[in-house]
Amino acid sequence: MITSEDVKKGKPHPEIFLLAMERLGTKKEETVIFEDSKNGIKSAIDSGAFVVGVLQKGVNDEFVKDTDFVIEDYKELYDIFKD
């Protein structure tokens, strides 16, 4: 687990995701980040990872336009991979 206390720069800076990749020993090309906020998505994109935008009901979905993939909610992700 990584919290805001572990980084010097918060979102939208990608430091939190870069630190997570470092601790996990993964490369950006091997990483998928799920985000549901404008700053979180910017941060994830700037980290170089594959970014899945998670829509929020009643919220303008414009902020997910630059993500690699978009889902309505996490149940949709389950439905995609359950088979």
Protein backbone atom coordinates (compact mmCIF):
# COMPACT_ATOMS: atom_id res chain seq x y z
CA MET A 1 0.00 0.00 0.00
CA ILE A 2 1.21 3.48 -0.85
CA THR A 3 -0.31 6.60 0.66
CA SER A 4 0.19 10.32 0.21
CA GLU A 5 2.73 10.16 3.04
CA ASP A 6 5.01 8.04 0.84
CA VAL A 7 5.37 10.63 -1.93
CA LYS A 8 6.44 14.26 -2.15
CA LYS A 9 4.18 15.17 -5.06
CA GLY A 10 0.50 14.28 -5.14
CA LYS A 11 -1.73 13.67 -8.11
CA PRO A 12 -1.81 14.77 -10.86
CA HIS A 13 1.95 14.09 -10.62
CA PRO A 14 2.65 10.41 -11.47
CA GLU A 15 5.01 9.84 -8.52
CA ILE A 16 2.60 7.57 -6.62
CA PHE A 17 2.20 5.22 -9.59
CA LEU A 18 5.90 5.25 -10.42
CA LEU A 19 6.69 4.34 -6.81
CA ALA A 20 4.13 1.53 -6.90
CA MET A 21 5.70 0.11 -10.07
CA GLU A 22 9.14 0.36 -8.51
CA ARG A 23 8.06 -1.44 -5.34
CA LEU A 24 6.28 -4.14 -7.33
CA GLY A 25 9.23 -4.54 -9.69
CA THR A 26 7.08 -3.98 -12.77
CA LYS A 27 7.64 -1.93 -15.88
CA LYS A 28 5.16 0.62 -17.16
CA GLU A 29 4.47 -1.64 -20.14
CA GLU A 30 3.33 -4.36 -17.70
CA THR A 31 1.11 -2.13 -15.58
CA VAL A 32 -2.62 -1.42 -15.72
CA ILE A 33 -4.00 1.43 -13.63
CA PHE A 34 -7.70 1.89 -12.89
CA GLU A 35 -8.72 5.48 -12.16
CA ASP A 36 -11.98 7.35 -11.74
CA SER A 37 -10.92 10.96 -11.29
CA LYS A 38 -9.49 13.67 -13.52
CA ASN A 39 -6.26 14.10 -11.54
CA GLY A 40 -5.87 10.36 -11.08
CA ILE A 41 -6.23 9.73 -14.80
CA LYS A 42 -3.73 12.46 -15.68
CA SER A 43 -1.31 10.98 -13.16
CA ALA A 44 -1.79 7.45 -14.50
CA ILE A 45 -1.35 8.53 -18.13
CA ASP A 46 1.81 10.44 -17.26
CA SER A 47 3.22 7.32 -15.58
CA GLY A 48 3.23 5.59 -18.97
CA ALA A 49 1.06 2.66 -17.87
CA PHE A 50 -2.08 1.34 -19.58
CA VAL A 51 -4.97 3.33 -18.09
CA VAL A 52 -8.55 2.18 -17.60
CA GLY A 53 -10.96 5.02 -16.92
CA VAL A 54 -13.81 4.10 -14.59
CA LEU A 55 -16.89 6.24 -15.16
CA GLN A 56 -18.79 7.68 -12.24
CA LYS A 57 -22.55 7.96 -12.47
CA GLY A 58 -23.71 11.54 -12.84
CA VAL A 59 -20.20 12.88 -13.50
CA ASN A 60 -19.04 14.38 -16.79
CA ASP A 61 -17.11 11.62 -18.55
CA GLU A 62 -14.94 13.98 -20.61
CA PHE A 63 -11.94 13.24 -18.37
CA VAL A 64 -11.75 9.60 -19.54
CA LYS A 65 -11.33 10.45 -23.24
CA ASP A 66 -7.54 10.05 -23.12
CA THR A 67 -7.52 6.69 -21.34
CA ASP A 68 -6.69 3.45 -23.12
CA PHE A 69 -9.96 1.79 -22.15
CA VAL A 70 -13.17 2.85 -20.39
CA ILE A 71 -15.54 0.84 -18.22
CA GLU A 72 -18.88 1.87 -16.73
CA ASP A 73 -18.08 0.30 -13.37
CA TYR A 74 -16.05 -2.56 -11.93
CA LYS A 75 -18.87 -5.05 -12.53
CA GLU A 76 -18.35 -4.51 -16.25
CA LEU A 77 -14.74 -5.60 -15.82
CA TYR A 78 -15.88 -8.75 -14.05
CA ASP A 79 -18.30 -9.47 -16.91
CA ILE A 80 -15.50 -9.13 -19.46
CA PHE A 81 -13.17 -11.62 -17.77
CA LYS A 82 -15.50 -14.09 -16.05
CA ASP A 83 -15.50 -16.52 -18.97
